[in-house]
All heavy atoms as atom14 arrays in JSON, in Angstrom:
{
  "sequence": "KKKSTIVEFDIVDTGGEKIVKNITLKSNWRDYYPIKPQIITNTRGEYC",
  "atom14_mask": [
    [1, 1, 1, 1, 1, 1, 1, 1, 1, 0, 0, 0, 0, 0],
    [1, 1, 1, 1, 1, 1, 1, 1, 1, 0, 0, 0, 0, 0],
    [1, 1, 1, 1, 1, 1, 1, 1, 1, 0, 0, 0, 0, 0],
    [1, 1, 1, 1, 1, 1, 0, 0, 0, 0, 0, 0, 0, 0],
    [1, 1, 1, 1, 1, 1, 1, 0, 0, 0, 0, 0, 0, 0],
    [1, 1, 1, 1, 1, 1, 1, 1, 0, 0, 0, 0, 0, 0],
    [1, 1, 1, 1, 1, 1, 1, 0, 0, 0, 0, 0, 0, 0],
    [1, 1, 1, 1, 1, 1, 1, 1, 1, 0, 0, 0, 0, 0],
    [1, 1, 1, 1, 1, 1, 1, 1, 1, 1, 1, 0, 0, 0],
    [1, 1, 1, 1, 1, 1, 1, 1, 0, 0, 0, 0, 0, 0],
    [1, 1, 1, 1, 1, 1, 1, 1, 0, 0, 0, 0, 0, 0],
    [1, 1, 1, 1, 1, 1, 1, 0, 0, 0, 0, 0, 0, 0],
    [1, 1, 1, 1, 1, 1, 1, 1, 0, 0, 0, 0, 0, 0],
    [1, 1, 1, 1, 1, 1, 1, 0, 0, 0, 0, 0, 0, 0],
    [1, 1, 1, 1, 0, 0, 0, 0, 0, 0, 0, 0, 0, 0],
    [1, 1, 1, 1, 0, 0, 0, 0, 0, 0, 0, 0, 0, 0],
    [1, 1, 1, 1, 1, 1, 1, 1, 1, 0, 0, 0, 0, 0],
    [1, 1, 1, 1, 1, 1, 1, 1, 1, 0, 0, 0, 0, 0],
    [1, 1, 1, 1, 1, 1, 1, 1, 0, 0, 0, 0, 0, 0],
    [1, 1, 1, 1, 1, 1, 1, 0, 0, 0, 0, 0, 0, 0],
    [1, 1, 1, 1, 1, 1, 1, 1, 1, 0, 0, 0, 0, 0],
    [1, 1, 1, 1, 1, 1, 1, 1, 0, 0, 0, 0, 0, 0],
    [1, 1, 1, 1, 1, 1, 1, 1, 0, 0, 0, 0, 0, 0],
    [1, 1, 1, 1, 1, 1, 1, 0, 0, 0, 0, 0, 0, 0],
    [1, 1, 1, 1, 1, 1, 1, 1, 0, 0, 0, 0, 0, 0],
    [1, 1, 1, 1, 1, 1, 1, 1, 1, 0, 0, 0, 0, 0],
    [1, 1, 1, 1, 1, 1, 0, 0, 0, 0, 0, 0, 0, 0],
    [1, 1, 1, 1, 1, 1, 1, 1, 0, 0, 0, 0, 0, 0],
    [1, 1, 1, 1, 1, 1, 1, 1, 1, 1, 1, 1, 1, 1],
    [1, 1, 1, 1, 1, 1, 1, 1, 1, 1, 1, 0, 0, 0],
    [1, 1, 1, 1, 1, 1, 1, 1, 0, 0, 0, 0, 0, 0],
    [1, 1, 1, 1, 1, 1, 1, 1, 1, 1, 1, 1, 0, 0],
    [1, 1, 1, 1, 1, 1, 1, 1, 1, 1, 1, 1, 0, 0],
    [1, 1, 1, 1, 1, 1, 1, 0, 0, 0, 0, 0, 0, 0],
    [1, 1, 1, 1, 1, 1, 1, 1, 0, 0, 0, 0, 0, 0],
    [1, 1, 1, 1, 1, 1, 1, 1, 1, 0, 0, 0, 0, 0],
    [1, 1, 1, 1, 1, 1, 1, 0, 0, 0, 0, 0, 0, 0],
    [1, 1, 1, 1, 1, 1, 1, 1, 1, 0, 0, 0, 0, 0],
    [1, 1, 1, 1, 1, 1, 1, 1, 0, 0, 0, 0, 0, 0],
    [1, 1, 1, 1, 1, 1, 1, 1, 0, 0, 0, 0, 0, 0],
    [1, 1, 1, 1, 1, 1, 1, 0, 0, 0, 0, 0, 0, 0],
    [1, 1, 1, 1, 1, 1, 1, 1, 0, 0, 0, 0, 0, 0],
    [1, 1, 1, 1, 1, 1, 1, 0, 0, 0, 0, 0, 0, 0],
    [1, 1, 1, 1, 1, 1, 1, 1, 1, 1, 1, 0, 0, 0],
    [1, 1, 1, 1, 0, 0, 0, 0, 0, 0, 0, 0, 0, 0],
    [1, 1, 1, 1, 1, 1, 1, 1, 1, 0, 0, 0, 0, 0],
    [1, 1, 1, 1, 1, 1, 1, 1, 1, 1, 1, 1, 0, 0],
    [1, 1, 1, 1, 1, 1, 0, 0, 0, 0, 0, 0, 0, 0]
  ],
  "atom14_positions": [
    [[143.76, -16.88, -196.81], [142.83, -16.92, -197.94], [141.42, -16.46, -197.57], [140.74, -15.85, -198.39], [142.77, -18.33, -198.51], [144.04, -18.75, -199.2], [143.92, -20.12, -199.8], [145.22, -20.51, -200.49], [145.14, -21.82, -201.11], [0.0, 0.0, 0.0], [0.0, 0.0, 0.0], [0.0, 0.0, 0.0], [0.0, 0.0, 0.0], [0.0, 0.0, 0.0]],
    [[140.97, -16.73, -196.34], [139.59, -16.42, -195.98], [139.44, -15.39, -194.87], [138.33, -15.01, -194.53], [138.87, -17.7, -195.58], [138.76, -18.69, -196.71], [137.98, -19.91, -196.3], [137.9, -20.88, -197.47], [137.17, -22.09, -197.15], [0.0, 0.0, 0.0], [0.0, 0.0, 0.0], [0.0, 0.0, 0.0], [0.0, 0.0, 0.0], [0.0, 0.0, 0.0]],
    [[140.54, -14.94, -194.29], [140.47, -13.99, -193.18], [141.01, -12.64, -193.63], [142.11, -12.56, -194.18], [141.3, -14.5, -192.0], [140.8, -15.79, -191.41], [141.7, -16.25, -190.29], [141.25, -17.56, -189.7], [142.15, -18.01, -188.63], [0.0, 0.0, 0.0], [0.0, 0.0, 0.0], [0.0, 0.0, 0.0], [0.0, 0.0, 0.0], [0.0, 0.0, 0.0]],
    [[140.23, -11.59, -193.38], [140.68, -10.26, -193.77], [140.07, -9.2, -192.87], [139.07, -9.44, -192.18], [140.33, -9.96, -195.23], [138.94, -9.92, -195.39], [0.0, 0.0, 0.0], [0.0, 0.0, 0.0], [0.0, 0.0, 0.0], [0.0, 0.0, 0.0], [0.0, 0.0, 0.0], [0.0, 0.0, 0.0], [0.0, 0.0, 0.0], [0.0, 0.0, 0.0]],
    [[140.68, -8.03, -192.89], [140.18, -6.86, -192.18], [140.19, -5.69, -193.15], [141.18, -5.48, -193.87], [141.06, -6.52, -190.96], [140.96, -7.59, -190.02], [140.65, -5.23, -190.3], [0.0, 0.0, 0.0], [0.0, 0.0, 0.0], [0.0, 0.0, 0.0], [0.0, 0.0, 0.0], [0.0, 0.0, 0.0], [0.0, 0.0, 0.0], [0.0, 0.0, 0.0]],
    [[139.1, -4.94, -193.18], [139.02, -3.71, -193.96], [139.38, -2.56, -193.04], [138.79, -2.42, -191.96], [137.61, -3.5, -194.54], [137.18, -4.69, -195.4], [137.54, -2.18, -195.31], [138.0, -4.91, -196.64], [0.0, 0.0, 0.0], [0.0, 0.0, 0.0], [0.0, 0.0, 0.0], [0.0, 0.0, 0.0], [0.0, 0.0, 0.0], [0.0, 0.0, 0.0]],
    [[140.34, -1.76, -193.44], [140.76, -0.59, -192.67], [140.32, 0.64, -193.45], [140.69, 0.83, -194.6], [142.3, -0.57, -192.49], [142.72, 0.64, -191.67], [142.79, -1.85, -191.85], [0.0, 0.0, 0.0], [0.0, 0.0, 0.0], [0.0, 0.0, 0.0], [0.0, 0.0, 0.0], [0.0, 0.0, 0.0], [0.0, 0.0, 0.0], [0.0, 0.0, 0.0]],
    [[139.48, 1.47, -192.82], [139.0, 2.71, -193.43], [139.43, 3.87, -192.54], [139.43, 3.75, -191.32], [137.48, 2.7, -193.57], [136.95, 1.6, -194.45], [135.44, 1.57, -194.51], [134.79, 1.99, -193.53], [134.91, 1.11, -195.53], [0.0, 0.0, 0.0], [0.0, 0.0, 0.0], [0.0, 0.0, 0.0], [0.0, 0.0, 0.0], [0.0, 0.0, 0.0]],
    [[139.76, 5.0, -193.17], [140.19, 6.15, -192.39], [140.1, 7.42, -193.23], [140.04, 7.37, -194.45], [141.63, 5.96, -191.88], [142.64, 5.7, -192.97], [143.41, 6.73, -193.48], [142.81, 4.42, -193.49], [144.34, 6.48, -194.49], [143.73, 4.16, -194.49], [144.49, 5.21, -194.99], [0.0, 0.0, 0.0], [0.0, 0.0, 0.0], [0.0, 0.0, 0.0]],
    [[140.06, 8.56, -192.54], [140.08, 9.88, -193.18], [141.48, 10.46, -193.05], [142.12, 10.32, -192.0], [139.1, 10.85, -192.51], [137.66, 10.47, -192.73], [137.37, 9.81, -193.74], [136.82, 10.83, -191.89], [0.0, 0.0, 0.0], [0.0, 0.0, 0.0], [0.0, 0.0, 0.0], [0.0, 0.0, 0.0], [0.0, 0.0, 0.0], [0.0, 0.0, 0.0]],
    [[141.93, 11.11, -194.11], [143.16, 11.89, -194.06], [142.72, 13.35, -194.12], [142.15, 13.8, -195.12], [144.1, 11.56, -195.23], [144.46, 10.07, -195.2], [145.35, 12.44, -195.17], [145.18, 9.59, -196.45], [0.0, 0.0, 0.0], [0.0, 0.0, 0.0], [0.0, 0.0, 0.0], [0.0, 0.0, 0.0], [0.0, 0.0, 0.0], [0.0, 0.0, 0.0]],
    [[142.97, 14.07, -193.05], [142.56, 15.46, -192.94], [143.78, 16.33, -193.24], [144.79, 16.25, -192.54], [141.99, 15.77, -191.54], [141.59, 17.24, -191.44], [140.82, 14.85, -191.23], [0.0, 0.0, 0.0], [0.0, 0.0, 0.0], [0.0, 0.0, 0.0], [0.0, 0.0, 0.0], [0.0, 0.0, 0.0], [0.0, 0.0, 0.0], [0.0, 0.0, 0.0]],
    [[143.68, 17.16, -194.27], [144.76, 18.08, -194.64], [144.46, 19.41, -193.98], [143.45, 20.06, -194.28], [144.83, 18.23, -196.15], [145.99, 19.1, -196.61], [146.61, 19.78, -195.76], [146.28, 19.1, -197.81], [0.0, 0.0, 0.0], [0.0, 0.0, 0.0], [0.0, 0.0, 0.0], [0.0, 0.0, 0.0], [0.0, 0.0, 0.0], [0.0, 0.0, 0.0]],
    [[145.34, 19.83, -193.07], [145.14, 21.08, -192.35], [146.02, 22.2, -192.91], [146.29, 23.17, -192.21], [145.43, 20.89, -190.85], [146.79, 20.49, -190.7], [144.52, 19.87, -190.23], [0.0, 0.0, 0.0], [0.0, 0.0, 0.0], [0.0, 0.0, 0.0], [0.0, 0.0, 0.0], [0.0, 0.0, 0.0], [0.0, 0.0, 0.0], [0.0, 0.0, 0.0]],
    [[146.45, 22.04, -194.15], [147.3, 23.07, -194.75], [148.76, 22.82, -194.46], [149.44, 23.66, -193.87], [0.0, 0.0, 0.0], [0.0, 0.0, 0.0], [0.0, 0.0, 0.0], [0.0, 0.0, 0.0], [0.0, 0.0, 0.0], [0.0, 0.0, 0.0], [0.0, 0.0, 0.0], [0.0, 0.0, 0.0], [0.0, 0.0, 0.0], [0.0, 0.0, 0.0]],
    [[149.25, 21.68, -194.84], [150.65, 21.36, -194.64], [150.85, 20.13, -193.78], [151.86, 19.45, -193.88], [0.0, 0.0, 0.0], [0.0, 0.0, 0.0], [0.0, 0.0, 0.0], [0.0, 0.0, 0.0], [0.0, 0.0, 0.0], [0.0, 0.0, 0.0], [0.0, 0.0, 0.0], [0.0, 0.0, 0.0], [0.0, 0.0, 0.0], [0.0, 0.0, 0.0]],
    [[149.9, 19.84, -192.93], [150.0, 18.64, -192.09], [148.81, 17.74, -192.39], [147.68, 18.19, -192.51], [149.97, 19.03, -190.61], [150.16, 17.86, -189.69], [150.21, 18.28, -188.22], [149.73, 19.37, -187.88], [150.72, 17.49, -187.44], [0.0, 0.0, 0.0], [0.0, 0.0, 0.0], [0.0, 0.0, 0.0], [0.0, 0.0, 0.0], [0.0, 0.0, 0.0]],
    [[149.09, 16.43, -192.5], [148.04, 15.46, -192.75], [147.83, 14.64, -191.49], [148.76, 14.08, -190.94], [148.39, 14.59, -193.95], [148.41, 15.4, -195.24], [148.5, 14.52, -196.44], [148.42, 15.2, -197.76], [148.53, 16.58, -197.9], [0.0, 0.0, 0.0], [0.0, 0.0, 0.0], [0.0, 0.0, 0.0], [0.0, 0.0, 0.0], [0.0, 0.0, 0.0]],
    [[146.58, 14.58, -191.04], [146.23, 13.89, -189.8], [145.26, 12.76, -190.13], [144.33, 12.94, -190.9], [145.57, 14.87, -188.8], [146.54, 16.02, -188.5], [145.15, 14.16, -187.53], [145.9, 17.17, -187.75], [0.0, 0.0, 0.0], [0.0, 0.0, 0.0], [0.0, 0.0, 0.0], [0.0, 0.0, 0.0], [0.0, 0.0, 0.0], [0.0, 0.0, 0.0]],
    [[145.48, 11.59, -189.54], [144.58, 10.45, -189.72], [143.5, 10.5, -188.65], [143.8, 10.62, -187.46], [145.36, 9.12, -189.63], [144.41, 7.94, -189.72], [146.4, 9.03, -190.72], [0.0, 0.0, 0.0], [0.0, 0.0, 0.0], [0.0, 0.0, 0.0], [0.0, 0.0, 0.0], [0.0, 0.0, 0.0], [0.0, 0.0, 0.0], [0.0, 0.0, 0.0]],
    [[142.24, 10.41, -189.08], [141.11, 10.43, -188.15], [140.09, 9.39, -188.57], [140.12, 8.9, -189.69], [140.45, 11.81, -188.13], [141.31, 12.88, -187.52], [140.51, 14.13, -187.3], [141.36, 15.1, -186.51], [140.59, 15.84, -185.55], [0.0, 0.0, 0.0], [0.0, 0.0, 0.0], [0.0, 0.0, 0.0], [0.0, 0.0, 0.0], [0.0, 0.0, 0.0]],
    [[139.16, 9.12, -187.69], [138.01, 8.25, -187.97], [138.42, 6.88, -188.52], [137.88, 6.42, -189.52], [137.03, 8.94, -188.92], [136.53, 10.24, -188.35], [136.26, 10.34, -187.17], [136.43, 11.26, -189.19], [0.0, 0.0, 0.0], [0.0, 0.0, 0.0], [0.0, 0.0, 0.0], [0.0, 0.0, 0.0], [0.0, 0.0, 0.0], [0.0, 0.0, 0.0]],
    [[139.35, 6.24, -187.86], [139.8, 4.9, -188.28], [138.72, 3.89, -187.89], [138.24, 3.9, -186.75], [141.13, 4.52, -187.61], [142.23, 5.52, -187.96], [141.54, 3.1, -187.98], [143.49, 5.37, -187.13], [0.0, 0.0, 0.0], [0.0, 0.0, 0.0], [0.0, 0.0, 0.0], [0.0, 0.0, 0.0], [0.0, 0.0, 0.0], [0.0, 0.0, 0.0]],
    [[138.34, 3.03, -188.83], [137.43, 1.93, -188.53], [138.04, 0.63, -189.04], [138.68, 0.61, -190.09], [136.03, 2.13, -189.15], [136.16, 2.33, -190.54], [135.32, 3.31, -188.54], [0.0, 0.0, 0.0], [0.0, 0.0, 0.0], [0.0, 0.0, 0.0], [0.0, 0.0, 0.0], [0.0, 0.0, 0.0], [0.0, 0.0, 0.0], [0.0, 0.0, 0.0]],
    [[137.86, -0.41, -188.28], [138.39, -1.72, -188.61], [137.21, -2.7, -188.66], [136.47, -2.82, -187.68], [139.39, -2.19, -187.55], [140.54, -1.21, -187.26], [141.25, -1.61, -185.98], [141.49, -1.18, -188.42], [0.0, 0.0, 0.0], [0.0, 0.0, 0.0], [0.0, 0.0, 0.0], [0.0, 0.0, 0.0], [0.0, 0.0, 0.0], [0.0, 0.0, 0.0]],
    [[137.05, -3.37, -189.79], [135.96, -4.34, -189.96], [136.57, -5.66, -190.39], [137.3, -5.73, -191.37], [134.98, -3.86, -191.03], [134.31, -2.55, -190.7], [133.46, -2.08, -191.84], [132.96, -0.67, -191.59], [132.29, -0.12, -192.75], [0.0, 0.0, 0.0], [0.0, 0.0, 0.0], [0.0, 0.0, 0.0], [0.0, 0.0, 0.0], [0.0, 0.0, 0.0]],
    [[136.24, -6.71, -189.64], [136.84, -8.01, -189.9], [135.77, -9.06, -190.16], [134.68, -9.0, -189.6], [137.68, -8.43, -188.68], [138.22, -9.72, -188.88], [0.0, 0.0, 0.0], [0.0, 0.0, 0.0], [0.0, 0.0, 0.0], [0.0, 0.0, 0.0], [0.0, 0.0, 0.0], [0.0, 0.0, 0.0], [0.0, 0.0, 0.0], [0.0, 0.0, 0.0]],
    [[136.11, -10.02, -191.01], [135.19, -11.13, -191.24], [135.48, -12.31, -190.31], [134.86, -13.35, -190.43], [135.24, -11.58, -192.71], [136.56, -12.21, -193.09], [137.52, -12.23, -192.33], [136.62, -12.73, -194.31], [0.0, 0.0, 0.0], [0.0, 0.0, 0.0], [0.0, 0.0, 0.0], [0.0, 0.0, 0.0], [0.0, 0.0, 0.0], [0.0, 0.0, 0.0]],
    [[136.43, -12.13, -189.39], [136.74, -13.24, -188.49], [137.08, -12.84, -187.05], [136.95, -13.61, -186.13], [137.87, -14.1, -189.06], [139.18, -13.4, -189.11], [139.57, -12.43, -189.99], [140.29, -13.58, -188.24], [140.85, -12.01, -189.73], [141.32, -12.71, -188.66], [140.53, -14.42, -187.16], [142.54, -12.64, -188.03], [141.76, -14.34, -186.53], [142.75, -13.46, -186.97]],
    [[137.52, -11.6, -186.84], [137.83, -11.17, -185.47], [136.55, -10.7, -184.78], [135.75, -9.98, -185.36], [138.82, -10.01, -185.48], [140.22, -10.45, -185.76], [141.19, -9.33, -185.37], [142.52, -9.64, -185.8], [143.46, -10.1, -185.0], [143.23, -10.25, -183.73], [144.66, -10.37, -185.47], [0.0, 0.0, 0.0], [0.0, 0.0, 0.0], [0.0, 0.0, 0.0]],
    [[136.4, -11.07, -183.53], [135.22, -10.66, -182.77], [135.31, -9.22, -182.31], [134.3, -8.55, -182.17], [135.04, -11.56, -181.55], [134.63, -12.96, -181.93], [134.0, -13.14, -182.99], [134.93, -13.89, -181.16], [0.0, 0.0, 0.0], [0.0, 0.0, 0.0], [0.0, 0.0, 0.0], [0.0, 0.0, 0.0], [0.0, 0.0, 0.0], [0.0, 0.0, 0.0]],
    [[136.51, -8.75, -182.05], [136.65, -7.41, -181.48], [137.78, -6.63, -182.14], [138.87, -7.15, -182.33], [136.93, -7.47, -179.98], [137.26, -6.12, -179.4], [136.25, -5.2, -179.15], [138.56, -5.74, -179.17], [136.53, -3.95, -178.67], [138.87, -4.48, -178.67], [137.84, -3.59, -178.42], [138.13, -2.34, -177.95], [0.0, 0.0, 0.0], [0.0, 0.0, 0.0]],
    [[137.47, -5.41, -182.45], [138.46, -4.4, -182.8], [138.06, -3.13, -182.06], [136.87, -2.9, -181.83], [138.48, -4.1, -184.29], [139.48, -4.9, -185.1], [139.09, -5.58, -186.24], [140.82, -4.96, -184.75], [139.99, -6.3, -187.0], [141.73, -5.68, -185.49], [141.31, -6.35, -186.61], [142.22, -7.06, -187.35], [0.0, 0.0, 0.0], [0.0, 0.0, 0.0]],
    [[139.0, -2.28, -181.7], [138.63, -1.05, -181.0], [137.79, -0.15, -181.9], [137.95, -0.14, -183.11], [139.98, -0.41, -180.67], [140.94, -1.0, -181.65], [140.43, -2.39, -181.93], [0.0, 0.0, 0.0], [0.0, 0.0, 0.0], [0.0, 0.0, 0.0], [0.0, 0.0, 0.0], [0.0, 0.0, 0.0], [0.0, 0.0, 0.0], [0.0, 0.0, 0.0]],
    [[136.89, 0.6, -181.29], [136.04, 1.53, -182.02], [136.77, 2.86, -182.15], [137.21, 3.44, -181.15], [134.69, 1.71, -181.29], [133.97, 0.37, -181.24], [133.85, 2.78, -181.97], [132.74, 0.37, -180.36], [0.0, 0.0, 0.0], [0.0, 0.0, 0.0], [0.0, 0.0, 0.0], [0.0, 0.0, 0.0], [0.0, 0.0, 0.0], [0.0, 0.0, 0.0]],
    [[136.94, 3.33, -183.38], [137.62, 4.59, -183.69], [138.94, 4.75, -182.94], [139.13, 5.7, -182.18], [136.69, 5.77, -183.45], [135.5, 5.75, -184.37], [134.85, 7.08, -184.46], [133.71, 6.94, -185.44], [133.22, 8.16, -185.93], [0.0, 0.0, 0.0], [0.0, 0.0, 0.0], [0.0, 0.0, 0.0], [0.0, 0.0, 0.0], [0.0, 0.0, 0.0]],
    [[139.87, 3.82, -183.14], [141.16, 3.93, -182.45], [142.0, 5.09, -183.0], [141.75, 5.58, -184.11], [141.83, 2.6, -182.76], [141.29, 2.22, -184.1], [139.85, 2.7, -184.08], [0.0, 0.0, 0.0], [0.0, 0.0, 0.0], [0.0, 0.0, 0.0], [0.0, 0.0, 0.0], [0.0, 0.0, 0.0], [0.0, 0.0, 0.0], [0.0, 0.0, 0.0]],
    [[142.95, 5.5, -182.22], [143.92, 6.5, -182.64], [145.27, 5.81, -182.77], [145.54, 4.83, -182.07], [144.02, 7.64, -181.63], [142.73, 8.4, -181.47], [142.87, 9.45, -180.39], [143.69, 9.35, -179.48], [142.05, 10.49, -180.47], [0.0, 0.0, 0.0], [0.0, 0.0, 0.0], [0.0, 0.0, 0.0], [0.0, 0.0, 0.0], [0.0, 0.0, 0.0]],
    [[146.14, 6.34, -183.61], [147.49, 5.83, -183.72], [148.36, 6.59, -182.73], [148.4, 7.82, -182.76], [148.05, 5.99, -185.15], [147.21, 5.2, -186.15], [149.51, 5.54, -185.22], [147.57, 5.45, -187.6], [0.0, 0.0, 0.0], [0.0, 0.0, 0.0], [0.0, 0.0, 0.0], [0.0, 0.0, 0.0], [0.0, 0.0, 0.0], [0.0, 0.0, 0.0]],
    [[149.05, 5.84, -181.87], [149.94, 6.46, -180.89], [151.28, 5.71, -180.9], [151.4, 4.66, -181.51], [149.34, 6.44, -179.47], [149.2, 5.0, -178.96], [148.02, 7.19, -179.41], [148.97, 4.91, -177.46], [0.0, 0.0, 0.0], [0.0, 0.0, 0.0], [0.0, 0.0, 0.0], [0.0, 0.0, 0.0], [0.0, 0.0, 0.0], [0.0, 0.0, 0.0]],
    [[152.25, 6.25, -180.19], [153.51, 5.57, -179.95], [153.5, 5.11, -178.5], [153.29, 5.91, -177.6], [154.7, 6.52, -180.19], [154.61, 7.06, -181.49], [156.01, 5.79, -180.04], [0.0, 0.0, 0.0], [0.0, 0.0, 0.0], [0.0, 0.0, 0.0], [0.0, 0.0, 0.0], [0.0, 0.0, 0.0], [0.0, 0.0, 0.0], [0.0, 0.0, 0.0]],
    [[153.72, 3.81, -178.28], [153.69, 3.29, -176.91], [155.03, 3.53, -176.21], [155.94, 4.12, -176.78], [153.27, 1.81, -176.89], [154.26, 0.88, -177.56], [155.42, 1.21, -177.78], [153.81, -0.32, -177.89], [0.0, 0.0, 0.0], [0.0, 0.0, 0.0], [0.0, 0.0, 0.0], [0.0, 0.0, 0.0], [0.0, 0.0, 0.0], [0.0, 0.0, 0.0]],
    [[155.15, 3.03, -175.0], [156.35, 3.28, -174.19], [157.59, 2.61, -174.78], [158.71, 3.0, -174.45], [156.15, 2.78, -172.74], [155.78, 1.4, -172.77], [155.07, 3.58, -172.04], [0.0, 0.0, 0.0], [0.0, 0.0, 0.0], [0.0, 0.0, 0.0], [0.0, 0.0, 0.0], [0.0, 0.0, 0.0], [0.0, 0.0, 0.0], [0.0, 0.0, 0.0]],
    [[157.42, 1.6, -175.63], [158.56, 0.94, -176.3], [158.91, 1.62, -177.63], [159.78, 1.15, -178.35], [158.23, -0.53, -176.53], [158.1, -1.33, -175.26], [157.9, -2.81, -175.51], [156.77, -3.12, -176.35], [155.53, -3.36, -175.92], [155.27, -3.31, -174.64], [154.57, -3.65, -176.76], [0.0, 0.0, 0.0], [0.0, 0.0, 0.0], [0.0, 0.0, 0.0]],
    [[158.19, 2.69, -177.97], [158.48, 3.4, -179.21], [157.82, 2.79, -180.44], [158.15, 3.16, -181.55], [0.0, 0.0, 0.0], [0.0, 0.0, 0.0], [0.0, 0.0, 0.0], [0.0, 0.0, 0.0], [0.0, 0.0, 0.0], [0.0, 0.0, 0.0], [0.0, 0.0, 0.0], [0.0, 0.0, 0.0], [0.0, 0.0, 0.0], [0.0, 0.0, 0.0]],
    [[156.89, 1.85, -180.24], [156.2, 1.21, -181.34], [154.87, 1.92, -181.61], [154.22, 2.4, -180.68], [155.88, -0.26, -181.0], [157.06, -1.1, -180.63], [156.65, -2.42, -180.01], [155.63, -2.49, -179.32], [157.39, -3.39, -180.24], [0.0, 0.0, 0.0], [0.0, 0.0, 0.0], [0.0, 0.0, 0.0], [0.0, 0.0, 0.0], [0.0, 0.0, 0.0]],
    [[154.49, 1.95, -182.87], [153.16, 2.46, -183.19], [152.13, 1.42, -182.8], [152.34, 0.22, -182.96], [153.03, 2.77, -184.68], [153.77, 4.0, -185.1], [154.9, 3.91, -185.91], [153.36, 5.25, -184.7], [155.59, 5.03, -186.29], [154.05, 6.39, -185.06], [155.16, 6.28, -185.87], [155.84, 7.4, -186.25], [0.0, 0.0, 0.0], [0.0, 0.0, 0.0]],
    [[151.0, 1.89, -182.26], [149.92, 0.99, -181.93], [148.6, 1.75, -182.01], [148.59, 2.97, -182.16], [150.11, 0.38, -180.53], [150.12, 1.57, -179.19], [0.0, 0.0, 0.0], [0.0, 0.0, 0.0], [0.0, 0.0, 0.0], [0.0, 0.0, 0.0], [0.0, 0.0, 0.0], [0.0, 0.0, 0.0], [0.0, 0.0, 0.0], [0.0, 0.0, 0.0]]
  ]
}
């Protein structure tokens, strides 16, 4: 009810491919979020 995170990002259209850039995470309760993180696939095949 009282904890949330705002996720903002750009979708860049390069003419057929859409790329996510400039991700920002703002929270009213978490002390730390990474600055401008990228979405990757880790060694277990999970998105992170």
